[in-house]
Amino acid sequence: MKKFLVEEVETGMRFDVFLVQKLNLSKNKCQSLISSGEALINDQKQKKSYLLKNNDEIKVEIIVKNTVNELEPLPLDLDIVYEDDDLAVINKPVNLVVHPSSSFKGITLVNGLLYQIPVLKKIEGTRPGIVHRLDKDTTGLMIVGKTEETIVQMQELLQKRHVKRTYWALIHGFLGQHGTIDLPIGRDVKNRLKMSVTSQGKPSVTHFKTLQRFEHYSLLELELETGRTHQIRVHLSYLKHPIVGDNLYGNHNEKIKTQLLHAKKLAFSHPQKDKKISLEIPLNDAFQKVLNQLELDPSSFL
C-alpha cells in the first residue's frame, strides 16, 4: 500500500493528475485505479476529477510493474458470450472469486481470463480486464475490457448509469408485483464481510418485478440503478425476502447451498464503436433445475 499526504502546494490538483505524477503511470491506468477503488482519498472512493484538499490522505494499492505476469494463466474454460478487439462479455460461473486480493490468493476469474484472452497480459496490476465485479456465488454476464482505455470508458458508463444490468433471483416469499427499493447501503459495523442498510450509507436503488410466484417463493427480475457491493442481496434480505441459497444474508439452514442470483441481461453502447450491445443468457443449470422442481410442485419447500 502506498500512502501520500497532500501538501498545500498540491491543493486544487485533480486526483488523476496527482496519481500520474506520483506513480509515474499512464493517465488511463491512474483513472482505472480510481474507478476500481484501488486508489482512495481519506478511505473513501472519489471521482477522477476530485480536487485535492490540504492534508487529504491518499492510499493506493501497491502496483508492481509486472504483477500481471505473476498471475498464472489457467484453463478455466470460461464461456465468452461476446468478444471484439476492445472488450468481451463472459458468463461467470458459480463459486469463483473475480480477482485476487489481500484476503484471497487462490484461483480467480483473472487466471482464466489471462489464459483465454492473452492480450490482458499487457495490462498492469492484479485486476487486468476487470470493469466490474460479480460476487463469488453470483453467476452471469460480466464485462471485460481488453485495454486500460476501454476499462476506464466502461467504468464511466457504469458510473453514469448508462449500462443496463438485469438479474433474476429466486427469493423467499412474495415481495409484490413490482416496485423500487430505495435504501442506502454501507459497510456493516458488526461484520466487515457484510454490507447493510444504514442511514450513513450510499444511495442504492433496485427496481424489481415478479415474473413467477410459487407458494413459498417468487422469481424476480431486478434492475440495478446503482451498483453497490452486494446491493440486491442486502436490499432483499433487509425486506425479509432473502435470496434462496444466500448463506451470508439468508437462511443458513437451507438445503440449497447455491445462491440463486443470476446476471441475465446486459445492454450498453459500445465505447469504441457506433453500436449497441444487448445480450441475454439462460439461467445456469442449478437455478433452472430448482425452477423446474417448483413448476412441477409449486407448494414444495426447497
C-alpha atoms as a PDB file:
ATOM      1  CA  MET A   1       0.000   0.000   0.000  1.00  0.00           C
ATOM      2  CA  LYS A   2       1.386   3.406  -0.988  1.00  0.00           C
ATOM      3  CA  LYS A   3       0.313   6.455   1.012  1.00  0.00           C
ATOM      4  CA  PHE A   4       0.551  10.158   0.189  1.00  0.00           C
ATOM      5  CA  LEU A   5      -0.392  13.230   2.212  1.00  0.00           C
ATOM      6  CA  VAL A   6      -1.488  16.159   0.067  1.00  0.00           C
ATOM      7  CA  GLU A   7       0.639  19.241   0.705  1.00  0.00           C
ATOM      8  CA  GLU A   8      -0.602  22.810   0.495  1.00  0.00           C
ATOM      9  CA  VAL A   9       1.121  23.372  -2.853  1.00  0.00           C
ATOM     10  CA  GLU A  10      -0.846  20.419  -4.308  1.00  0.00           C
ATOM     11  CA  THR A  11      -4.243  21.730  -3.177  1.00  0.00           C
ATOM     12  CA  GLY A  12      -6.678  22.044  -6.078  1.00  0.00           C
ATOM     13  CA  MET A  13      -4.917  19.438  -8.234  1.00  0.00           C
ATOM     14  CA  ARG A  14      -7.104  16.795  -9.896  1.00  0.00           C
ATOM     15  CA  PHE A  15      -6.983  13.362  -8.281  1.00  0.00           C
ATOM     16  CA  ASP A  16      -5.960  11.574 -11.504  1.00  0.00           C
ATOM     17  CA  VAL A  17      -3.265  14.145 -12.355  1.00  0.00           C
ATOM     18  CA  PHE A  18      -1.789  13.767  -8.851  1.00  0.00           C
ATOM     19  CA  LEU A  19      -1.546   9.988  -9.289  1.00  0.00           C
ATOM     20  CA  VAL A  20       0.097  10.317 -12.711  1.00  0.00           C
ATOM     21  CA  GLN A  21       2.823  12.470 -11.162  1.00  0.00           C
ATOM     22  CA  LYS A  22       3.327  10.347  -8.065  1.00  0.00           C
ATOM     23  CA  LEU A  23       3.101   6.862  -9.580  1.00  0.00           C
ATOM     24  CA  ASN A  24       4.653   7.501 -12.992  1.00  0.00           C
ATOM     25  CA  LEU A  25       1.812   5.576 -14.663  1.00  0.00           C
ATOM     26  CA  SER A  26      -0.365   6.459 -17.651  1.00  0.00           C
ATOM     27  CA  LYS A  27      -3.407   8.660 -17.109  1.00  0.00           C
ATOM     28  CA  ASN A  28      -5.696   5.815 -18.221  1.00  0.00           C
ATOM     29  CA  LYS A  29      -4.102   3.486 -15.675  1.00  0.00           C
ATOM     30  CA  CYS A  30      -4.487   6.033 -12.873  1.00  0.00           C
ATOM     31  CA  GLN A  31      -8.123   6.622 -13.798  1.00  0.00           C
ATOM     32  CA  SER A  32      -8.640   2.868 -13.721  1.00  0.00           C
ATOM     33  CA  LEU A  33      -7.168   2.718 -10.207  1.00  0.00           C
ATOM     34  CA  ILE A  34      -9.595   5.444  -9.130  1.00  0.00           C
ATOM     35  CA  SER A  35     -12.638   3.837 -10.767  1.00  0.00           C
ATOM     36  CA  SER A  36     -11.892   0.400  -9.300  1.00  0.00           C
ATOM     37  CA  GLY A  37     -11.421   1.735  -5.765  1.00  0.00           C
ATOM     38  CA  GLU A  38      -7.729   0.790  -5.623  1.00  0.00           C
ATOM     39  CA  ALA A  39      -6.923   4.473  -5.039  1.00  0.00           C
ATOM     40  CA  LEU A  40      -8.789   6.125  -2.153  1.00  0.00           C
ATOM     41  CA  ILE A  41      -8.901   9.568  -0.536  1.00  0.00           C
ATOM     42  CA  ASN A  42      -9.391   9.533   3.226  1.00  0.00           C
ATOM     43  CA  ASP A  43     -10.504   5.891   2.840  1.00  0.00           C
ATOM     44  CA  GLN A  44     -13.316   6.969   0.501  1.00  0.00           C
ATOM     45  CA  LYS A  45     -13.767   6.360  -3.221  1.00  0.00           C
ATOM     46  CA  GLN A  46     -13.753   9.638  -5.190  1.00  0.00           C
ATOM     47  CA  LYS A  47     -14.163  10.732  -8.804  1.00  0.00           C
ATOM     48  CA  LYS A  48     -11.089  11.199 -11.001  1.00  0.00           C
ATOM     49  CA  SER A  49     -11.947  14.923 -11.217  1.00  0.00           C
ATOM     50  CA  TYR A  50     -11.931  15.377  -7.422  1.00  0.00           C
ATOM     51  CA  LEU A  51      -9.897  18.463  -6.466  1.00  0.00           C
ATOM     52  CA  LEU A  52      -7.433  17.699  -3.700  1.00  0.00           C
ATOM     53  CA  LYS A  53      -7.558  19.438  -0.339  1.00  0.00           C
ATOM     54  CA  ASN A  54      -4.674  20.132   2.005  1.00  0.00           C
ATOM     55  CA  ASN A  55      -3.868  17.099   4.201  1.00  0.00           C
ATOM     56  CA  ASP A  56      -6.023  14.694   2.173  1.00  0.00           C
ATOM     57  CA  GLU A  57      -4.642  11.191   2.710  1.00  0.00           C
ATOM     58  CA  ILE A  58      -4.354   9.133  -0.472  1.00  0.00           C
ATOM     59  CA  LYS A  59      -3.906   5.367  -0.363  1.00  0.00           C
ATOM     60  CA  VAL A  60      -3.067   3.304  -3.440  1.00  0.00           C
ATOM     61  CA  GLU A  61      -2.793  -0.468  -3.645  1.00  0.00           C
ATOM     62  CA  ILE A  62       0.856  -1.163  -4.477  1.00  0.00           C
ATOM     63  CA  ILE A  63       1.349  -1.707  -8.197  1.00  0.00           C
ATOM     64  CA  VAL A  64       4.280  -3.881  -9.203  1.00  0.00           C
ATOM     65  CA  LYS A  65       5.298  -3.313 -12.811  1.00  0.00           C
ATOM     66  CA  ASN A  66       4.849  -6.905 -13.940  1.00  0.00           C
ATOM     67  CA  THR A  67       2.356  -8.101 -11.341  1.00  0.00           C
ATOM     68  CA  VAL A  68       0.060  -9.450 -14.028  1.00  0.00           C
ATOM     69  CA  ASN A  69       2.821 -11.731 -15.335  1.00  0.00           C
ATOM     70  CA  GLU A  70       2.977 -13.337 -11.892  1.00  0.00           C
ATOM     71  CA  LEU A  71      -0.680 -14.306 -12.200  1.00  0.00           C
ATOM     72  CA  GLU A  72      -0.698 -17.713 -13.817  1.00  0.00           C
ATOM     73  CA  PRO A  73      -2.950 -18.145 -16.864  1.00  0.00           C
ATOM     74  CA  LEU A  74      -5.126 -21.191 -16.181  1.00  0.00           C
ATOM     75  CA  PRO A  75      -7.589 -23.050 -18.441  1.00  0.00           C
ATOM     76  CA  LEU A  76     -10.889 -22.476 -16.627  1.00  0.00           C
ATOM     77  CA  ASP A  77     -12.974 -22.979 -19.787  1.00  0.00           C
ATOM     78  CA  LEU A  78     -14.803 -19.667 -19.392  1.00  0.00           C
ATOM     79  CA  ASP A  79     -17.891 -19.083 -21.528  1.00  0.00           C
ATOM     80  CA  ILE A  80     -17.237 -15.997 -23.682  1.00  0.00           C
ATOM     81  CA  VAL A  81     -20.644 -14.721 -24.832  1.00  0.00           C
ATOM     82  CA  TYR A  82     -19.382 -11.753 -26.876  1.00  0.00           C
ATOM     83  CA  GLU A  83     -15.937 -10.588 -27.988  1.00  0.00           C
ATOM     84  CA  ASP A  84     -14.338  -7.937 -30.213  1.00  0.00           C
ATOM     85  CA  ASP A  85     -10.999  -6.102 -30.294  1.00  0.00           C
ATOM     86  CA  ASP A  86     -11.888  -3.837 -27.355  1.00  0.00           C
ATOM     87  CA  LEU A  87     -13.899  -5.900 -24.916  1.00  0.00           C
ATOM     88  CA  ALA A  88     -15.502  -9.224 -24.105  1.00  0.00           C
ATOM     89  CA  VAL A  89     -18.549 -10.314 -22.122  1.00  0.00           C
ATOM     90  CA  ILE A  90     -18.351 -13.589 -20.234  1.00  0.00           C
ATOM     91  CA  ASN A  91     -20.838 -15.817 -18.436  1.00  0.00           C
ATOM     92  CA  LYS A  92     -19.223 -16.052 -14.996  1.00  0.00           C
ATOM     93  CA  PRO A  93     -19.586 -19.452 -13.322  1.00  0.00           C
ATOM     94  CA  VAL A  94     -20.571 -20.019  -9.707  1.00  0.00           C
ATOM     95  CA  ASN A  95     -18.046 -20.365  -6.873  1.00  0.00           C
ATOM     96  CA  LEU A  96     -15.347 -18.229  -8.492  1.00  0.00           C
ATOM     97  CA  VAL A  97     -13.812 -15.073  -6.986  1.00  0.00           C
ATOM     98  CA  VAL A  98     -13.251 -12.391  -9.634  1.00  0.00           C
ATOM     99  CA  HIS A  99      -9.726 -11.217  -8.739  1.00  0.00           C
ATOM    100  CA  PRO A 100      -7.033 -11.765  -6.094  1.00  0.00           C
ATOM    101  CA  SER A 101      -6.958  -9.534  -3.029  1.00  0.00           C
ATOM    102  CA  SER A 102      -5.122  -9.199   0.265  1.00  0.00           C
ATOM    103  CA  SER A 103      -7.579 -11.697   1.780  1.00  0.00           C
ATOM    104  CA  PHE A 104      -7.739 -14.156  -1.136  1.00  0.00           C
ATOM    105  CA  LYS A 105      -4.756 -15.554  -3.045  1.00  0.00           C
ATOM    106  CA  GLY A 106      -6.368 -18.605  -4.668  1.00  0.00           C
ATOM    107  CA  ILE A 107      -7.532 -19.244  -8.231  1.00  0.00           C
ATOM    108  CA  THR A 108      -9.698 -16.422  -9.573  1.00  0.00           C
ATOM    109  CA  LEU A 109     -11.530 -15.428 -12.724  1.00  0.00           C
ATOM    110  CA  VAL A 110      -8.459 -13.376 -13.691  1.00  0.00           C
ATOM    111  CA  ASN A 111      -6.417 -16.583 -14.099  1.00  0.00           C
ATOM    112  CA  GLY A 112      -8.924 -17.865 -16.641  1.00  0.00           C
ATOM    113  CA  LEU A 113      -9.158 -14.529 -18.448  1.00  0.00           C
ATOM    114  CA  LEU A 114      -5.378 -14.380 -18.900  1.00  0.00           C
ATOM    115  CA  TYR A 115      -5.481 -17.843 -20.469  1.00  0.00           C
ATOM    116  CA  GLN A 116      -8.364 -17.197 -22.883  1.00  0.00           C
ATOM    117  CA  ILE A 117      -7.677 -13.518 -23.629  1.00  0.00           C
ATOM    118  CA  PRO A 118      -3.841 -13.287 -23.727  1.00  0.00           C
ATOM    119  CA  VAL A 119      -3.843  -9.564 -24.632  1.00  0.00           C
ATOM    120  CA  LEU A 120      -4.784  -8.871 -20.990  1.00  0.00           C
ATOM    121  CA  LYS A 121      -1.180  -9.678 -20.038  1.00  0.00           C
ATOM    122  CA  LYS A 122      -0.289  -6.180 -21.256  1.00  0.00           C
ATOM    123  CA  ILE A 123      -2.398  -4.566 -18.517  1.00  0.00           C
ATOM    124  CA  GLU A 124      -0.625  -3.910 -15.221  1.00  0.00           C
ATOM    125  CA  GLY A 125      -1.948  -4.660 -11.766  1.00  0.00           C
ATOM    126  CA  THR A 126      -3.831  -7.547 -10.190  1.00  0.00           C
ATOM    127  CA  ARG A 127      -7.169  -6.920 -11.920  1.00  0.00           C
ATOM    128  CA  PRO A 128      -6.426  -6.998 -15.666  1.00  0.00           C
ATOM    129  CA  GLY A 129      -9.600  -6.629 -17.691  1.00  0.00           C
ATOM    130  CA  ILE A 130     -11.945  -6.189 -14.745  1.00  0.00           C
ATOM    131  CA  VAL A 131     -14.573  -3.492 -15.369  1.00  0.00           C
ATOM    132  CA  HIS A 132     -16.979  -4.511 -12.596  1.00  0.00           C
ATOM    133  CA  ARG A 133     -17.405  -7.477 -10.287  1.00  0.00           C
ATOM    134  CA  LEU A 134     -19.917 -10.181  -9.534  1.00  0.00           C
ATOM    135  CA  ASP A 135     -19.912 -11.842  -6.121  1.00  0.00           C
ATOM    136  CA  LYS A 136     -18.222 -15.231  -5.808  1.00  0.00           C
ATOM    137  CA  ASP A 137     -21.517 -17.143  -5.928  1.00  0.00           C
ATOM    138  CA  THR A 138     -23.342 -14.891  -8.408  1.00  0.00           C
ATOM    139  CA  THR A 139     -23.380 -16.155 -11.982  1.00  0.00           C
ATOM    140  CA  GLY A 140     -23.938 -14.475 -15.323  1.00  0.00           C
ATOM    141  CA  LEU A 141     -22.895 -11.661 -17.609  1.00  0.00           C
ATOM    142  CA  MET A 142     -19.790  -9.644 -16.811  1.00  0.00           C
ATOM    143  CA  ILE A 143     -17.864  -7.130 -18.952  1.00  0.00           C
ATOM    144  CA  VAL A 144     -14.108  -7.468 -19.541  1.00  0.00           C
ATOM    145  CA  GLY A 145     -12.051  -4.616 -21.034  1.00  0.00           C
ATOM    146  CA  LYS A 146      -9.101  -5.573 -23.239  1.00  0.00           C
ATOM    147  CA  THR A 147      -7.267  -2.245 -22.824  1.00  0.00           C
ATOM    148  CA  GLU A 148      -6.873   0.239 -19.985  1.00  0.00           C
ATOM    149  CA  GLU A 149      -8.711   2.815 -22.102  1.00  0.00           C
ATOM    150  CA  THR A 150     -11.731   0.553 -22.577  1.00  0.00           C
ATOM    151  CA  ILE A 151     -11.788  -0.365 -18.889  1.00  0.00           C
ATOM    152  CA  VAL A 152     -11.912   3.314 -17.890  1.00  0.00           C
ATOM    153  CA  GLN A 153     -14.573   4.117 -20.501  1.00  0.00           C
ATOM    154  CA  MET A 154     -16.795   1.222 -19.430  1.00  0.00           C
ATOM    155  CA  GLN A 155     -16.431   2.121 -15.749  1.00  0.00           C
ATOM    156  CA  GLU A 156     -17.501   5.673 -16.595  1.00  0.00           C
ATOM    157  CA  LEU A 157     -20.569   4.319 -18.424  1.00  0.00           C
ATOM    158  CA  LEU A 158     -21.426   2.321 -15.309  1.00  0.00           C
ATOM    159  CA  GLN A 159     -20.997   5.352 -13.050  1.00  0.00           C
ATOM    160  CA  LYS A 160     -23.249   7.403 -15.335  1.00  0.00           C
ATOM    161  CA  ARG A 161     -25.827   4.575 -15.246  1.00  0.00           C
ATOM    162  CA  HIS A 162     -25.607   4.001 -18.990  1.00  0.00           C
ATOM    163  CA  VAL A 163     -25.251   0.227 -18.626  1.00  0.00           C
ATOM    164  CA  LYS A 164     -28.484  -1.705 -18.099  1.00  0.00           C
ATOM    165  CA  ARG A 165     -27.913  -4.721 -15.852  1.00  0.00           C
ATOM    166  CA  THR A 166     -30.774  -7.134 -15.265  1.00  0.00           C
ATOM    167  CA  TYR A 167     -30.715 -10.021 -12.799  1.00  0.00           C
ATOM    168  CA  TRP A 168     -33.015 -12.923 -11.981  1.00  0.00           C
ATOM    169  CA  ALA A 169     -33.321 -14.124  -8.393  1.00  0.00           C
ATOM    170  CA  LEU A 170     -35.404 -16.684  -6.545  1.00  0.00           C
ATOM    171  CA  ILE A 171     -36.484 -15.265  -3.196  1.00  0.00           C
ATOM    172  CA  HIS A 172     -38.339 -16.427  -0.127  1.00  0.00           C
ATOM    173  CA  GLY A 173     -41.965 -15.248  -0.033  1.00  0.00           C
ATOM    174  CA  PHE A 174     -43.657 -12.601  -2.162  1.00  0.00           C
ATOM    175  CA  LEU A 175     -42.298  -9.047  -2.310  1.00  0.00           C
ATOM    176  CA  GLY A 176     -45.013  -7.552  -4.524  1.00  0.00           C
ATOM    177  CA  GLN A 177     -45.812  -7.483  -8.220  1.00  0.00           C
ATOM    178  CA  HIS A 178     -43.339  -4.699  -8.947  1.00  0.00           C
ATOM    179  CA  GLY A 179     -41.648  -1.776  -7.229  1.00  0.00           C
ATOM    180  CA  THR A 180     -38.480   0.120  -6.368  1.00  0.00           C
ATOM    181  CA  ILE A 181     -36.230  -0.434  -3.355  1.00  0.00           C
ATOM    182  CA  ASP A 182     -34.515   2.824  -2.407  1.00  0.00           C
ATOM    183  CA  LEU A 183     -32.419   2.188   0.703  1.00  0.00           C
ATOM    184  CA  PRO A 184     -28.851   3.429   1.398  1.00  0.00           C
ATOM    185  CA  ILE A 185     -26.154   0.780   1.806  1.00  0.00           C
ATOM    186  CA  GLY A 186     -22.882   0.902   3.727  1.00  0.00           C
ATOM    187  CA  ARG A 187     -20.383  -1.410   5.415  1.00  0.00           C
ATOM    188  CA  ASP A 188     -21.875  -3.403   8.311  1.00  0.00           C
ATOM    189  CA  VAL A 189     -20.351  -2.124  11.560  1.00  0.00           C
ATOM    190  CA  LYS A 190     -20.567  -5.556  13.231  1.00  0.00           C
ATOM    191  CA  ASN A 191     -19.324  -7.728  10.357  1.00  0.00           C
ATOM    192  CA  ARG A 192     -16.819  -6.288   7.868  1.00  0.00           C
ATOM    193  CA  LEU A 193     -17.635  -9.056   5.394  1.00  0.00           C
ATOM    194  CA  LYS A 194     -21.192  -7.775   5.085  1.00  0.00           C
ATOM    195  CA  MET A 195     -22.956  -4.671   3.859  1.00  0.00           C
ATOM    196  CA  SER A 196     -26.135  -3.350   5.465  1.00  0.00           C
ATOM    197  CA  VAL A 197     -28.894  -0.781   5.087  1.00  0.00           C
ATOM    198  CA  THR A 198     -27.788   2.293   7.033  1.00  0.00           C
ATOM    199  CA  SER A 199     -28.640   5.983   7.017  1.00  0.00           C
ATOM    200  CA  GLN A 200     -24.901   6.685   6.666  1.00  0.00           C
ATOM    201  CA  GLY A 201     -24.666   4.544   3.522  1.00  0.00           C
ATOM    202  CA  LYS A 202     -24.558   5.477  -0.152  1.00  0.00           C
ATOM    203  CA  PRO A 203     -27.779   5.893  -2.175  1.00  0.00           C
ATOM    204  CA  SER A 204     -28.772   2.479  -3.541  1.00  0.00           C
ATOM    205  CA  VAL A 205     -31.713   1.824  -5.866  1.00  0.00           C
ATOM    206  CA  THR A 206     -33.024  -1.514  -7.150  1.00  0.00           C
ATOM    207  CA  HIS A 207     -36.101  -1.952  -9.364  1.00  0.00           C
ATOM    208  CA  PHE A 208     -37.951  -5.282  -9.352  1.00  0.00           C
ATOM    209  CA  LYS A 209     -40.902  -7.129 -10.815  1.00  0.00           C
ATOM    210  CA  THR A 210     -42.243 -10.589 -10.057  1.00  0.00           C
ATOM    211  CA  LEU A 211     -42.040 -12.967 -13.013  1.00  0.00           C
ATOM    212  CA  GLN A 212     -43.441 -16.077 -11.357  1.00  0.00           C
ATOM    213  CA  ARG A 213     -44.981 -16.798  -7.979  1.00  0.00           C
ATOM    214  CA  PHE A 214     -44.947 -20.088  -6.105  1.00  0.00           C
ATOM    215  CA  GLU A 215     -46.440 -20.925  -2.713  1.00  0.00           C
ATOM    216  CA  HIS A 216     -43.290 -20.189  -0.722  1.00  0.00           C
ATOM    217  CA  TYR A 217     -41.024 -18.485  -3.261  1.00  0.00           C
ATOM    218  CA  SER A 218     -41.022 -15.902  -6.058  1.00  0.00           C
ATOM    219  CA  LEU A 219     -38.935 -15.463  -9.190  1.00  0.00           C
ATOM    220  CA  LEU A 220     -37.893 -11.824  -9.561  1.00  0.00           C
ATOM    221  CA  GLU A 221     -36.375  -9.772 -12.347  1.00  0.00           C
ATOM    222  CA  LEU A 222     -34.256  -6.973 -10.886  1.00  0.00           C
ATOM    223  CA  GLU A 223     -32.580  -3.992 -12.482  1.00  0.00           C
ATOM    224  CA  LEU A 224     -29.751  -2.087 -10.822  1.00  0.00           C
ATOM    225  CA  GLU A 225     -29.893   1.699 -10.917  1.00  0.00           C
ATOM    226  CA  THR A 226     -26.816   1.873  -8.680  1.00  0.00           C
ATOM    227  CA  GLY A 227     -24.197  -0.830  -8.206  1.00  0.00           C
ATOM    228  CA  ARG A 228     -23.217  -1.098  -4.553  1.00  0.00           C
ATOM    229  CA  THR A 229     -21.448  -4.145  -3.160  1.00  0.00           C
ATOM    230  CA  HIS A 230     -23.996  -6.935  -2.504  1.00  0.00           C
ATOM    231  CA  GLN A 231     -26.783  -4.450  -3.349  1.00  0.00           C
ATOM    232  CA  ILE A 232     -29.521  -6.859  -4.454  1.00  0.00           C
ATOM    233  CA  ARG A 233     -28.726  -9.320  -1.676  1.00  0.00           C
ATOM    234  CA  VAL A 234     -28.741  -6.622   1.021  1.00  0.00           C
ATOM    235  CA  HIS A 235     -31.966  -4.994  -0.186  1.00  0.00           C
ATOM    236  CA  LEU A 236     -33.876  -8.277  -0.360  1.00  0.00           C
ATOM    237  CA  SER A 237     -32.541  -9.527   2.970  1.00  0.00           C
ATOM    238  CA  TYR A 238     -33.456  -6.249   4.700  1.00  0.00           C
ATOM    239  CA  LEU A 239     -37.033  -6.608   3.428  1.00  0.00           C
ATOM    240  CA  LYS A 240     -37.164 -10.172   4.836  1.00  0.00           C
ATOM    241  CA  HIS A 241     -37.203 -11.818   1.403  1.00  0.00           C
ATOM    242  CA  PRO A 242     -33.627 -13.128   1.089  1.00  0.00           C
ATOM    243  CA  ILE A 243     -32.338 -14.912  -1.989  1.00  0.00           C
ATOM    244  CA  VAL A 244     -32.571 -18.697  -1.849  1.00  0.00           C
ATOM    245  CA  GLY A 245     -29.123 -20.146  -1.165  1.00  0.00           C
ATOM    246  CA  ASP A 246     -27.556 -16.904   0.097  1.00  0.00           C
ATOM    247  CA  ASN A 247     -25.566 -18.150   3.080  1.00  0.00           C
ATOM    248  CA  LEU A 248     -24.350 -14.680   4.081  1.00  0.00           C
ATOM    249  CA  TYR A 249     -27.607 -12.717   4.085  1.00  0.00           C
ATOM    250  CA  GLY A 250     -30.188 -15.508   4.065  1.00  0.00           C
ATOM    251  CA  ASN A 251     -31.210 -18.695   5.845  1.00  0.00           C
ATOM    252  CA  HIS A 252     -28.122 -20.625   6.952  1.00  0.00           C
ATOM    253  CA  ASN A 253     -30.122 -23.849   7.399  1.00  0.00           C
ATOM    254  CA  GLU A 254     -31.228 -24.152   3.770  1.00  0.00           C
ATOM    255  CA  LYS A 255     -30.628 -27.413   1.943  1.00  0.00           C
ATOM    256  CA  ILE A 256     -29.763 -25.462  -1.209  1.00  0.00           C
ATOM    257  CA  LYS A 257     -26.232 -24.091  -0.950  1.00  0.00           C
ATOM    258  CA  THR A 258     -26.137 -22.472  -4.398  1.00  0.00           C
ATOM    259  CA  GLN A 259     -27.055 -18.776  -4.399  1.00  0.00           C
ATOM    260  CA  LEU A 260     -29.865 -18.327  -6.940  1.00  0.00           C
ATOM    261  CA  LEU A 261     -28.894 -14.912  -8.309  1.00  0.00           C
ATOM    262  CA  HIS A 262     -28.003 -14.644 -11.994  1.00  0.00           C
ATOM    263  CA  ALA A 263     -26.914 -11.656 -14.117  1.00  0.00           C
ATOM    264  CA  LYS A 264     -29.148 -12.498 -17.071  1.00  0.00           C
ATOM    265  CA  LYS A 265     -29.218  -9.436 -19.332  1.00  0.00           C
ATOM    266  CA  LEU A 266     -26.795  -6.669 -20.253  1.00  0.00           C
ATOM    267  CA  ALA A 267     -27.227  -3.683 -22.576  1.00  0.00           C
ATOM    268  CA  PHE A 268     -24.884  -0.763 -23.335  1.00  0.00           C
ATOM    269  CA  SER A 269     -23.448   1.378 -26.109  1.00  0.00           C
ATOM    270  CA  HIS A 270     -20.006   0.225 -27.212  1.00  0.00           C
ATOM    271  CA  PRO A 271     -17.392   2.785 -26.025  1.00  0.00           C
ATOM    272  CA  GLN A 272     -15.256   2.447 -29.179  1.00  0.00           C
ATOM    273  CA  LYS A 273     -17.741   1.509 -31.885  1.00  0.00           C
ATOM    274  CA  ASP A 274     -21.006   3.045 -33.046  1.00  0.00           C
ATOM    275  CA  LYS A 275     -23.227   0.176 -31.984  1.00  0.00           C
ATOM    276  CA  LYS A 276     -25.371  -1.041 -29.126  1.00  0.00           C
ATOM    277  CA  ILE A 277     -24.724  -4.354 -27.442  1.00  0.00           C
ATOM    278  CA  SER A 278     -27.666  -6.242 -25.956  1.00  0.00           C
ATOM    279  CA  LEU A 279     -27.113  -9.711 -24.511  1.00  0.00           C
ATOM    280  CA  GLU A 280     -29.228 -12.288 -22.696  1.00  0.00           C
ATOM    281  CA  ILE A 281     -28.233 -15.743 -21.486  1.00  0.00           C
ATOM    282  CA  PRO A 282     -30.129 -18.703 -19.988  1.00  0.00           C
ATOM    283  CA  LEU A 283     -30.133 -19.480 -16.284  1.00  0.00           C
ATOM    284  CA  ASN A 284     -27.361 -21.725 -15.029  1.00  0.00           C
ATOM    285  CA  ASP A 285     -28.200 -25.420 -14.662  1.00  0.00           C
ATOM    286  CA  ALA A 286     -28.613 -25.356 -10.871  1.00  0.00           C
ATOM    287  CA  PHE A 287     -31.019 -22.394 -10.993  1.00  0.00           C
ATOM    288  CA  GLN A 288     -33.046 -23.914 -13.840  1.00  0.00           C
ATOM    289  CA  LYS A 289     -33.276 -27.259 -12.026  1.00  0.00           C
ATOM    290  CA  VAL A 290     -34.811 -25.570  -8.972  1.00  0.00           C
ATOM    291  CA  LEU A 291     -37.308 -23.683 -11.146  1.00  0.00           C
ATOM    292  CA  ASN A 292     -38.302 -26.904 -12.884  1.00  0.00           C
ATOM    293  CA  GLN A 293     -38.904 -28.513  -9.491  1.00  0.00           C
ATOM    294  CA  LEU A 294     -41.123 -25.629  -8.351  1.00  0.00           C
ATOM    295  CA  GLU A 295     -43.096 -25.629 -11.589  1.00  0.00           C
ATOM    296  CA  LEU A 296     -43.845 -29.330 -11.104  1.00  0.00           C
ATOM    297  CA  ASP A 297     -44.806 -28.794  -7.456  1.00  0.00           C
ATOM    298  CA  PRO A 298     -45.450 -25.085  -6.646  1.00  0.00           C
ATOM    299  CA  SER A 299     -46.103 -25.881  -2.976  1.00  0.00           C
ATOM    300  CA  SER A 300     -42.797 -27.644  -2.360  1.00  0.00           C
ATOM    301  CA  PHE A 301     -40.131 -26.469   0.072  1.00  0.00           C
ATOM    302  CA  LEU A 302     -36.581 -26.365  -1.223  1.00  0.00           C
END
